[in-house]
PDB file of N, CA and C in Angstrom:
ATOM      1  N   MET A   1       1.591   7.920 -14.102  1.00  0.00           N
ATOM      2  CA  MET A   1       0.935   8.479 -13.149  1.00  0.00           C
ATOM      3  C   MET A   1       2.314   8.332 -12.205  1.00  0.00           C
ATOM      4  N   TYR A   2       2.734   9.272 -11.326  1.00  0.00           N
ATOM      5  CA  TYR A   2       3.069   9.266 -10.015  1.00  0.00           C
ATOM      6  C   TYR A   2       2.485  10.179  -8.874  1.00  0.00           C
ATOM      7  N   ALA A   3       2.811   9.999  -7.239  1.00  0.00           N
ATOM      8  CA  ALA A   3       3.184  10.314  -6.590  1.00  0.00           C
ATOM      9  C   ALA A   3       3.806  10.754  -5.722  1.00  0.00           C
ATOM     10  N   VAL A   4       3.452  11.624  -4.673  1.00  0.00           N
ATOM     11  CA  VAL A   4       4.916  11.241  -3.363  1.00  0.00           C
ATOM     12  C   VAL A   4       3.893  11.200  -2.605  1.00  0.00           C
ATOM     13  N   ILE A   5       4.761  10.181  -1.778  1.00  0.00           N
ATOM     14  CA  ILE A   5       3.970   9.307  -0.449  1.00  0.00           C
ATOM     15  C   ILE A   5       4.715   9.873   0.864  1.00  0.00           C
ATOM     16  N   ARG A   6       4.200  10.357   1.798  1.00  0.00           N
ATOM     17  CA  ARG A   6       5.327   9.636   3.445  1.00  0.00           C
ATOM     18  C   ARG A   6       4.654   8.642   4.406  1.00  0.00           C
ATOM     19  N   THR A   7       5.958   8.598   4.855  1.00  0.00           N
ATOM     20  CA  THR A   7       5.708   7.187   5.564  1.00  0.00           C
ATOM     21  C   THR A   7       7.072   6.887   6.389  1.00  0.00           C
ATOM     22  N   GLY A   8       6.840   6.851   7.348  1.00  0.00           N
ATOM     23  CA  GLY A   8       8.188   6.790   8.213  1.00  0.00           C
ATOM     24  C   GLY A   8       9.341   8.128   8.383  1.00  0.00           C
ATOM     25  N   GLY A   9       8.065   9.160   8.115  1.00  0.00           N
ATOM     26  CA  GLY A   9       9.280  10.320   8.139  1.00  0.00           C
ATOM     27  C   GLY A   9      10.035  10.547   7.103  1.00  0.00           C
ATOM     28  N   LYS A  10       9.714   9.333   6.219  1.00  0.00           N
ATOM     29  CA  LYS A  10      10.765   9.820   4.819  1.00  0.00           C
ATOM     30  C   LYS A  10       9.388  10.029   3.834  1.00  0.00           C
ATOM     31  N   GLN A  11      10.152  10.370   2.006  1.00  0.00           N
ATOM     32  CA  GLN A  11       9.347  10.718   1.534  1.00  0.00           C
ATOM     33  C   GLN A  11       9.875   9.726   0.783  1.00  0.00           C
ATOM     34  N   TYR A  12       8.598   8.654  -0.601  1.00  0.00           N
ATOM     35  CA  TYR A  12       9.184   7.933  -1.315  1.00  0.00           C
ATOM     36  C   TYR A  12       8.377   8.571  -2.655  1.00  0.00           C
ATOM     37  N   LYS A  13       8.936   9.127  -3.825  1.00  0.00           N
ATOM     38  CA  LYS A  13       8.447   9.568  -5.279  1.00  0.00           C
ATOM     39  C   LYS A  13       8.193   8.028  -5.722  1.00  0.00           C
ATOM     40  N   VAL A  14       6.195   7.452  -5.805  1.00  0.00           N
ATOM     41  CA  VAL A  14       5.940   5.937  -7.011  1.00  0.00           C
ATOM     42  C   VAL A  14       5.782   6.190  -7.356  1.00  0.00           C
ATOM     43  N   HIS A  15       5.690   5.352  -8.074  1.00  0.00           N
ATOM     44  CA  HIS A  15       5.079   5.119  -9.526  1.00  0.00           C
ATOM     45  C   HIS A  15       3.407   3.532  -9.716  1.00  0.00           C
ATOM     46  N   GLU A  16       2.896   3.689  -9.960  1.00  0.00           N
ATOM     47  CA  GLU A  16       2.051   1.808 -10.418  1.00  0.00           C
ATOM     48  C   GLU A  16       3.179   0.573 -10.182  1.00  0.00           C
ATOM     49  N   GLU A  17       2.981  -0.509  -9.777  1.00  0.00           N
ATOM     50  CA  GLU A  17       4.037  -1.444 -10.227  1.00  0.00           C
ATOM     51  C   GLU A  17       4.981  -2.159  -9.469  1.00  0.00           C
ATOM     52  N   GLN A  18       5.672  -0.562  -8.684  1.00  0.00           N
ATOM     53  CA  GLN A  18       7.138   0.314  -8.152  1.00  0.00           C
ATOM     54  C   GLN A  18       7.232  -1.266  -6.683  1.00  0.00           C
ATOM     55  N   ILE A  19       8.431  -1.765  -7.179  1.00  0.00           N
ATOM     56  CA  ILE A  19       8.722  -2.384  -5.340  1.00  0.00           C
ATOM     57  C   ILE A  19       9.464  -1.517  -5.328  1.00  0.00           C
ATOM     58  N   LEU A  20       9.650  -0.811  -3.347  1.00  0.00           N
ATOM     59  CA  LEU A  20      10.443  -0.362  -2.647  1.00  0.00           C
ATOM     60  C   LEU A  20      10.190  -1.233  -1.317  1.00  0.00           C
ATOM     61  N   LYS A  21      11.624  -0.828  -0.634  1.00  0.00           N
ATOM     62  CA  LYS A  21      11.684  -0.886   0.278  1.00  0.00           C
ATOM     63  C   LYS A  21      11.254   0.562   2.055  1.00  0.00           C
ATOM     64  N   VAL A  22      10.008   0.478   2.142  1.00  0.00           N
ATOM     65  CA  VAL A  22       9.879   1.559   3.050  1.00  0.00           C
ATOM     66  C   VAL A  22      10.099   0.820   4.920  1.00  0.00           C
ATOM     67  N   GLU A  23      10.112   1.831   5.602  1.00  0.00           N
ATOM     68  CA  GLU A  23      10.830   2.064   7.215  1.00  0.00           C
ATOM     69  C   GLU A  23       8.800   0.570   7.640  1.00  0.00           C
ATOM     70  N   LYS A  24       9.621   0.007   9.158  1.00  0.00           N
ATOM     71  CA  LYS A  24       8.440  -0.775   8.652  1.00  0.00           C
ATOM     72  C   LYS A  24       7.757  -0.312   9.096  1.00  0.00           C
ATOM     73  N   LEU A  25       6.188  -1.221   8.563  1.00  0.00           N
ATOM     74  CA  LEU A  25       4.822  -1.074   8.918  1.00  0.00           C
ATOM     75  C   LEU A  25       4.123  -1.865   9.289  1.00  0.00           C
ATOM     76  N   GLU A  26       3.377  -2.467  10.484  1.00  0.00           N
ATOM     77  CA  GLU A  26       1.833  -2.688  10.324  1.00  0.00           C
ATOM     78  C   GLU A  26       1.545  -3.349   9.463  1.00  0.00           C
ATOM     79  N   GLY A  27       1.406  -5.641  10.023  1.00  0.00           N
ATOM     80  CA  GLY A  27       1.434  -6.211   8.792  1.00  0.00           C
ATOM     81  C   GLY A  27       1.927  -7.334   8.865  1.00  0.00           C
ATOM     82  N   THR A  28       1.355  -8.172   7.464  1.00  0.00           N
ATOM     83  CA  THR A  28       1.829  -9.638   7.892  1.00  0.00           C
ATOM     84  C   THR A  28       1.919  -9.292   5.733  1.00  0.00           C
ATOM     85  N   GLU A  29       2.631 -10.413   5.726  1.00  0.00           N
ATOM     86  CA  GLU A  29       3.030 -10.617   4.610  1.00  0.00           C
ATOM     87  C   GLU A  29       1.674 -10.894   3.301  1.00  0.00           C
ATOM     88  N   GLY A  30       2.261 -10.512   2.612  1.00  0.00           N
ATOM     89  CA  GLY A  30       0.300 -10.553   1.479  1.00  0.00           C
ATOM     90  C   GLY A  30      -0.617  -9.837   1.784  1.00  0.00           C
ATOM     91  N   SER A  31      -0.272  -8.774   2.919  1.00  0.00           N
ATOM     92  CA  SER A  31      -1.782  -7.972   3.126  1.00  0.00           C
ATOM     93  C   SER A  31      -1.709  -6.688   2.067  1.00  0.00           C
ATOM     94  N   GLN A  32      -3.225  -5.957   2.553  1.00  0.00           N
ATOM     95  CA  GLN A  32      -3.255  -4.951   1.524  1.00  0.00           C
ATOM     96  C   GLN A  32      -3.146  -3.700   2.359  1.00  0.00           C
ATOM     97  N   ILE A  33      -2.364  -2.800   2.012  1.00  0.00           N
ATOM     98  CA  ILE A  33      -2.113  -1.151   3.049  1.00  0.00           C
ATOM     99  C   ILE A  33      -2.627  -0.472   2.130  1.00  0.00           C
ATOM    100  N   GLU A  34      -2.847   1.668   2.870  1.00  0.00           N
ATOM    101  CA  GLU A  34      -3.317   1.754   1.719  1.00  0.00           C
ATOM    102  C   GLU A  34      -2.583   3.242   3.062  1.00  0.00           C
ATOM    103  N   PHE A  35      -2.129   4.108   1.739  1.00  0.00           N
ATOM    104  CA  PHE A  35      -1.893   5.321   1.847  1.00  0.00           C
ATOM    105  C   PHE A  35      -2.162   6.154   1.594  1.00  0.00           C
ATOM    106  N   ASP A  36      -2.947   7.522   2.931  1.00  0.00           N
ATOM    107  CA  ASP A  36      -3.650   8.550   2.604  1.00  0.00           C
ATOM    108  C   ASP A  36      -3.223   9.470   3.281  1.00  0.00           C
ATOM    109  N   ASP A  37      -1.884  10.090   3.284  1.00  0.00           N
ATOM    110  CA  ASP A  37      -0.726  11.064   3.178  1.00  0.00           C
ATOM    111  C   ASP A  37      -0.315  11.254   1.421  1.00  0.00           C
ATOM    112  N   ILE A  38      -0.665  12.304   0.911  1.00  0.00           N
ATOM    113  CA  ILE A  38       0.120  12.603  -0.606  1.00  0.00           C
ATOM    114  C   ILE A  38       0.173  13.273  -0.451  1.00  0.00           C
ATOM    115  N   LEU A  39       1.226  13.438  -0.588  1.00  0.00           N
ATOM    116  CA  LEU A  39       1.673  15.020  -0.425  1.00  0.00           C
ATOM    117  C   LEU A  39       2.298  15.953  -2.384  1.00  0.00           C
ATOM    118  N   MET A  40       2.014  14.997  -3.631  1.00  0.00           N
ATOM    119  CA  MET A  40       1.977  15.629  -4.679  1.00  0.00           C
ATOM    120  C   MET A  40       1.016  14.138  -5.517  1.00  0.00           C
ATOM    121  N   TYR A  41       0.395  14.867  -6.215  1.00  0.00           N
ATOM    122  CA  TYR A  41       0.264  13.768  -7.240  1.00  0.00           C
ATOM    123  C   TYR A  41      -0.181  13.946  -9.018  1.00  0.00           C
ATOM    124  N   SER A  42       0.763  13.559 -10.341  1.00  0.00           N
ATOM    125  CA  SER A  42       0.410  13.662 -11.372  1.00  0.00           C
ATOM    126  C   SER A  42      -0.094  12.854 -12.422  1.00  0.00           C
ATOM    127  N   ASP A  43      -0.609  13.495 -13.284  1.00  0.00           N
ATOM    128  CA  ASP A  43      -1.821  12.332 -13.632  1.00  0.00           C
ATOM    129  C   ASP A  43      -1.016  12.230 -15.474  1.00  0.00           C
ATOM    130  N   GLY A  44       0.687  12.735 -15.560  1.00  0.00           N
ATOM    131  CA  GLY A  44       1.031  12.691 -16.906  1.00  0.00           C
ATOM    132  C   GLY A  44       1.006  14.428 -17.515  1.00  0.00           C
ATOM    133  N   GLU A  45      -0.204  14.672 -16.992  1.00  0.00           N
ATOM    134  CA  GLU A  45      -0.712  16.119 -18.106  1.00  0.00           C
ATOM    135  C   GLU A  45      -0.525  16.998 -16.933  1.00  0.00           C
ATOM    136  N   ALA A  46      -1.151  17.223 -15.579  1.00  0.00           N
ATOM    137  CA  ALA A  46      -1.027  18.522 -14.900  1.00  0.00           C
ATOM    138  C   ALA A  46      -0.880  17.928 -13.495  1.00  0.00           C
ATOM    139  N   ILE A  47       0.071  18.688 -12.006  1.00  0.00           N
ATOM    140  CA  ILE A  47       0.696  18.818 -11.195  1.00  0.00           C
ATOM    141  C   ILE A  47      -0.311  19.107 -10.204  1.00  0.00           C
ATOM    142  N   THR A  48      -0.441  18.317  -8.591  1.00  0.00           N
ATOM    143  CA  THR A  48      -1.347  18.246  -8.270  1.00  0.00           C
ATOM    144  C   THR A  48      -0.977  19.370  -7.063  1.00  0.00           C
ATOM    145  N   LEU A  49      -1.113  19.752  -6.274  1.00  0.00           N
ATOM    146  CA  LEU A  49      -0.210  19.881  -4.641  1.00  0.00           C
ATOM    147  C   LEU A  49      -0.749  19.751  -3.739  1.00  0.00           C
ATOM    148  N   GLY A  50      -0.360  19.393  -2.396  1.00  0.00           N
ATOM    149  CA  GLY A  50      -0.595  19.524  -1.763  1.00  0.00           C
ATOM    150  C   GLY A  50      -1.015  20.200  -0.658  1.00  0.00           C
ATOM    151  N   ASN A  51      -1.609  20.638   0.604  1.00  0.00           N
ATOM    152  CA  ASN A  51      -1.584  22.217   0.868  1.00  0.00           C
ATOM    153  C   ASN A  51      -2.375  21.399   2.717  1.00  0.00           C
ATOM    154  N   PRO A  52      -1.357  20.381   3.777  1.00  0.00           N
ATOM    155  CA  PRO A  52       0.081  19.712   3.370  1.00  0.00           C
ATOM    156  C   PRO A  52      -0.431  18.625   1.907  1.00  0.00           C
ATOM    157  N   LYS A  53      -1.652  17.966   2.308  1.00  0.00           N
ATOM    158  CA  LYS A  53      -2.527  16.417   1.765  1.00  0.00           C
ATOM    159  C   LYS A  53      -2.751  17.005   0.397  1.00  0.00           C
ATOM    160  N   VAL A  54      -3.734  15.657  -0.444  1.00  0.00           N
ATOM    161  CA  VAL A  54      -4.069  16.426  -1.229  1.00  0.00           C
ATOM    162  C   VAL A  54      -5.055  15.237  -0.908  1.00  0.00           C
ATOM    163  N   GLU A  55      -6.029  15.901  -1.612  1.00  0.00           N
ATOM    164  CA  GLU A  55      -7.574  15.650  -0.283  1.00  0.00           C
ATOM    165  C   GLU A  55      -8.008  14.403  -0.802  1.00  0.00           C
ATOM    166  N   ASN A  56      -8.633  13.185  -0.509  1.00  0.00           N
ATOM    167  CA  ASN A  56      -9.316  12.131  -1.152  1.00  0.00           C
ATOM    168  C   ASN A  56      -8.351  11.619  -2.385  1.00  0.00           C
ATOM    169  N   ALA A  57      -7.062  11.582  -2.101  1.00  0.00           N
ATOM    170  CA  ALA A  57      -5.965  11.172  -2.919  1.00  0.00           C
ATOM    171  C   ALA A  57      -5.660   9.360  -2.170  1.00  0.00           C
ATOM    172  N   SER A  58      -5.193   8.633  -2.900  1.00  0.00           N
ATOM    173  CA  SER A  58      -5.132   6.630  -1.828  1.00  0.00           C
ATOM    174  C   SER A  58      -4.257   6.210  -2.982  1.00  0.00           C
ATOM    175  N   VAL A  59      -2.946   5.233  -2.004  1.00  0.00           N
ATOM    176  CA  VAL A  59      -1.946   4.538  -2.284  1.00  0.00           C
ATOM    177  C   VAL A  59      -2.041   3.293  -2.107  1.00  0.00           C
ATOM    178  N   LYS A  60      -3.355   2.525  -2.393  1.00  0.00           N
ATOM    179  CA  LYS A  60      -2.955   0.699  -2.588  1.00  0.00           C
ATOM    180  C   LYS A  60      -1.356   0.543  -2.827  1.00  0.00           C
ATOM    181  N   ALA A  61      -1.333  -0.738  -1.636  1.00  0.00           N
ATOM    182  CA  ALA A  61       0.093  -1.222  -2.483  1.00  0.00           C
ATOM    183  C   ALA A  61      -0.055  -3.019  -0.724  1.00  0.00           C
ATOM    184  N   HIS A  62       0.730  -4.076  -1.168  1.00  0.00           N
ATOM    185  CA  HIS A  62       0.169  -4.526  -0.248  1.00  0.00           C
ATOM    186  C   HIS A  62       2.305  -4.839  -0.371  1.00  0.00           C
ATOM    187  N   ILE A  63       1.961  -6.103   0.986  1.00  0.00           N
ATOM    188  CA  ILE A  63       3.817  -6.783   0.988  1.00  0.00           C
ATOM    189  C   ILE A  63       3.724  -7.757   1.164  1.00  0.00           C
ATOM    190  N   LEU A  64       4.628  -6.898   0.463  1.00  0.00           N
ATOM    191  CA  LEU A  64       5.967  -8.282  -0.217  1.00  0.00           C
ATOM    192  C   LEU A  64       6.889  -9.233   0.708  1.00  0.00           C
ATOM    193  N   GLU A  65       7.734  -8.450   1.890  1.00  0.00           N
ATOM    194  CA  GLU A  65       7.724  -9.462   2.257  1.00  0.00           C
ATOM    195  C   GLU A  65       8.264  -7.979   3.377  1.00  0.00           C
ATOM    196  N   GLN A  66       8.641  -9.170   5.374  1.00  0.00           N
ATOM    197  CA  GLN A  66       9.393  -8.005   6.417  1.00  0.00           C
ATOM    198  C   GLN A  66      10.344  -8.690   6.415  1.00  0.00           C
ATOM    199  N   GLY A  67      11.351  -7.751   6.664  1.00  0.00           N
ATOM    200  CA  GLY A  67      13.081  -8.470   6.498  1.00  0.00           C
ATOM    201  C   GLY A  67      13.343  -6.890   8.038  1.00  0.00           C
ATOM    202  N   LYS A  68      14.720  -7.842   8.194  1.00  0.00           N
ATOM    203  CA  LYS A  68      15.865  -6.499   8.375  1.00  0.00           C
ATOM    204  C   LYS A  68      17.074  -6.435   7.162  1.00  0.00           C
ATOM    205  N   GLY A  69      17.855  -4.966   7.209  1.00  0.00           N
ATOM    206  CA  GLY A  69      18.411  -5.231   6.263  1.00  0.00           C
ATOM    207  C   GLY A  69      20.026  -5.929   6.483  1.00  0.00           C
ATOM    208  N   LYS A  70      20.723  -4.698   6.224  1.00  0.00           N
ATOM    209  CA  LYS A  70      22.314  -5.025   6.742  1.00  0.00           C
ATOM    210  C   LYS A  70      23.135  -5.341   7.465  1.00  0.00           C
ATOM    211  N   LYS A  71      23.605  -5.196   8.076  1.00  0.00           N
ATOM    212  CA  LYS A  71      24.488  -4.926   9.584  1.00  0.00           C
ATOM    213  C   LYS A  71      25.444  -4.007   9.391  1.00  0.00           C
ATOM    214  N   GLN A  72      24.602  -2.896  10.169  1.00  0.00           N
ATOM    215  CA  GLN A  72      25.900  -1.391  10.607  1.00  0.00           C
ATOM    216  C   GLN A  72      27.095  -1.075  11.326  1.00  0.00           C
ATOM    217  N   LEU A  73      27.706  -1.317  11.193  1.00  0.00           N
ATOM    218  CA  LEU A  73      29.171  -1.225  12.464  1.00  0.00           C
ATOM    219  C   LEU A  73      28.798   0.103  12.567  1.00  0.00           C
ATOM    220  N   VAL A  74      28.788   0.639  14.432  1.00  0.00           N
ATOM    221  CA  VAL A  74      29.738   2.219  14.891  1.00  0.00           C
ATOM    222  C   VAL A  74      30.496   1.282  15.426  1.00  0.00           C
ATOM    223  N   PHE A  75      31.416   1.438  15.829  1.00  0.00           N
ATOM    224  CA  PHE A  75      32.769   1.893  16.382  1.00  0.00           C
ATOM    225  C   PHE A  75      33.089   3.571  16.607  1.00  0.00           C
ATOM    226  N   LYS A  76      32.994   3.764  18.494  1.00  0.00           N
ATOM    227  CA  LYS A  76      33.860   4.403  18.393  1.00  0.00           C
ATOM    228  C   LYS A  76      34.559   4.051  19.469  1.00  0.00           C
ATOM    229  N   TYR A  77      35.860   5.196  18.715  1.00  0.00           N
ATOM    230  CA  TYR A  77      37.093   5.707  19.357  1.00  0.00           C
ATOM    231  C   TYR A  77      38.474   7.038  19.845  1.00  0.00           C
ATOM    232  N   LYS A  78      38.657   6.086  21.291  1.00  0.00           N
ATOM    233  CA  LYS A  78      39.152   8.118  21.306  1.00  0.00           C
ATOM    234  C   LYS A  78      41.163   7.130  21.694  1.00  0.00           C
ATOM    235  N   ARG A  79      41.554   8.039  20.562  1.00  0.00           N
ATOM    236  CA  ARG A  79      43.018   7.706  20.941  1.00  0.00           C
ATOM    237  C   ARG A  79      43.764   7.905  22.027  1.00  0.00           C
ATOM    238  N   ARG A  80      44.468   7.384  21.957  1.00  0.00           N
ATOM    239  CA  ARG A  80      45.692   7.052  23.292  1.00  0.00           C
ATOM    240  C   ARG A  80      44.606   7.180  24.690  1.00  0.00           C
ATOM    241  N   LYS A  81      43.941   6.812  24.650  1.00  0.00           N
ATOM    242  CA  LYS A  81      42.985   6.479  25.648  1.00  0.00           C
ATOM    243  C   LYS A  81      42.234   5.363  26.495  1.00  0.00           C
ATOM    244  N   GLY A  82      42.524   4.703  25.195  1.00  0.00           N
ATOM    245  CA  GLY A  82      41.833   2.756  25.621  1.00  0.00           C
ATOM    246  C   GLY A  82      40.646   2.682  25.055  1.00  0.00           C
ATOM    247  N   TYR A  83      40.446   3.757  24.588  1.00  0.00           N
ATOM    248  CA  TYR A  83      38.320   3.368  24.583  1.00  0.00           C
ATOM    249  C   TYR A  83      38.464   2.578  23.210  1.00  0.00           C
ATOM    250  N   ARG A  84      37.290   1.837  23.075  1.00  0.00           N
ATOM    251  CA  ARG A  84      37.185   1.899  22.249  1.00  0.00           C
ATOM    252  C   ARG A  84      35.697   0.664  21.717  1.00  0.00           C
ATOM    253  N   LYS A  85      34.969   1.459  21.214  1.00  0.00           N
ATOM    254  CA  LYS A  85      33.502   0.556  21.778  1.00  0.00           C
ATOM    255  C   LYS A  85      32.857   0.049  19.843  1.00  0.00           C
ATOM    256  N   MET A  86      32.397  -1.172  19.808  1.00  0.00           N
ATOM    257  CA  MET A  86      31.948  -1.532  18.636  1.00  0.00           C
ATOM    258  C   MET A  86      30.512  -1.820  19.077  1.00  0.00           C
ATOM    259  N   LYS A  87      29.264  -1.840  17.991  1.00  0.00           N
ATOM    260  CA  LYS A  87      27.970  -2.356  18.642  1.00  0.00           C
ATOM    261  C   LYS A  87      27.197  -2.271  16.722  1.00  0.00           C
ATOM    262  N   GLY A  88      26.996  -2.869  16.438  1.00  0.00           N
ATOM    263  CA  GLY A  88      25.700  -3.435  15.283  1.00  0.00           C
ATOM    264  C   GLY A  88      25.009  -3.218  15.608  1.00  0.00           C
ATOM    265  N   HIS A  89      23.717  -3.314  14.400  1.00  0.00           N
ATOM    266  CA  HIS A  89      22.551  -2.370  14.228  1.00  0.00           C
ATOM    267  C   HIS A  89      21.908  -2.670  12.861  1.00  0.00           C
ATOM    268  N   ARG A  90      21.355  -2.651  12.972  1.00  0.00           N
ATOM    269  CA  ARG A  90      20.294  -3.166  11.621  1.00  0.00           C
ATOM    270  C   ARG A  90      18.611  -3.420  11.368  1.00  0.00           C
ATOM    271  N   GLN A  91      18.592  -2.370  10.761  1.00  0.00           N
ATOM    272  CA  GLN A  91      16.909  -1.731  10.363  1.00  0.00           C
ATOM    273  C   GLN A  91      16.092  -2.619  10.327  1.00  0.00           C
ATOM    274  N   HIS A  92      14.635  -2.465  10.697  1.00  0.00           N
ATOM    275  CA  HIS A  92      13.683  -3.349   9.987  1.00  0.00           C
ATOM    276  C   HIS A  92      13.036  -2.292   9.320  1.00  0.00           C
ATOM    277  N   TYR A  93      12.937  -3.241   8.025  1.00  0.00           N
ATOM    278  CA  TYR A  93      12.637  -2.384   6.889  1.00  0.00           C
ATOM    279  C   TYR A  93      11.247  -3.270   6.331  1.00  0.00           C
ATOM    280  N   THR A  94      10.006  -3.292   5.798  1.00  0.00           N
ATOM    281  CA  THR A  94       8.891  -3.444   5.100  1.00  0.00           C
ATOM    282  C   THR A  94       9.153  -3.779   3.388  1.00  0.00           C
ATOM    283  N   GLU A  95       9.102  -4.623   2.526  1.00  0.00           N
ATOM    284  CA  GLU A  95       9.357  -4.360   1.112  1.00  0.00           C
ATOM    285  C   GLU A  95       7.687  -4.225   0.874  1.00  0.00           C
ATOM    286  N   ILE A  96       7.383  -3.166  -0.075  1.00  0.00           N
ATOM    287  CA  ILE A  96       6.387  -3.102  -1.118  1.00  0.00           C
ATOM    288  C   ILE A  96       6.184  -3.525  -1.985  1.00  0.00           C
ATOM    289  N   LYS A  97       4.547  -3.453  -2.797  1.00  0.00           N
ATOM    290  CA  LYS A  97       4.621  -2.769  -4.134  1.00  0.00           C
ATOM    291  C   LYS A  97       3.233  -2.246  -4.120  1.00  0.00           C
ATOM    292  N   ILE A  98       3.581  -1.487  -4.989  1.00  0.00           N
ATOM    293  CA  ILE A  98       2.198  -0.112  -5.463  1.00  0.00           C
ATOM    294  C   ILE A  98       1.825  -0.272  -6.224  1.00  0.00           C
ATOM    295  N   GLU A  99      -0.073  -1.077  -5.944  1.00  0.00           N
ATOM    296  CA  GLU A  99      -1.029  -1.798  -6.858  1.00  0.00           C
ATOM    297  C   GLU A  99      -1.023   0.205  -7.344  1.00  0.00           C
ATOM    298  N   SER A 100      -2.153   0.879  -6.400  1.00  0.00           N
ATOM    299  CA  SER A 100      -2.481   1.923  -8.016  1.00  0.00           C
ATOM    300  C   SER A 100      -2.557   3.228  -6.908  1.00  0.00           C
ATOM    301  N   ILE A 101      -2.969   3.922  -8.069  1.00  0.00           N
ATOM    302  CA  ILE A 101      -3.287   5.280  -7.487  1.00  0.00           C
ATOM    303  C   ILE A 101      -3.980   5.748  -7.824  1.00  0.00           C
ATOM    304  N   ALA A 102      -5.223   6.209  -6.793  1.00  0.00           N
ATOM    305  CA  ALA A 102      -6.206   6.473  -6.533  1.00  0.00           C
ATOM    306  C   ALA A 102      -6.665   7.945  -6.404  1.00  0.00           C
ATOM    307  N   VAL A 103      -6.863   8.918  -7.491  1.00  0.00           N
ATOM    308  CA  VAL A 103      -7.366  10.276  -6.818  1.00  0.00           C
ATOM    309  C   VAL A 103      -9.364  10.584  -6.687  1.00  0.00           C
TER     310      VAL A 103
END
């Protein structure tokens, strides 16, 4: 059994007991969250596609960690002009564990 959910402008294929990192969500560690933006659902035999969402479907998960990813360096350079600029960025994420998929 799996589902395709949309959160943070991205789509994720999830199944029960899966741990994944998504864009930062509101909530504290240990709290329960529910996704109702389900694009597709499969129970192993039949596949249900949403138009655009599957009605009455939900995915429940709980938050394991709120954190920041590794630093990404952004370096801008123009040859022969003496222009160099370096900047860093760390993306916030939320690590969640999928508990149940219900239709």
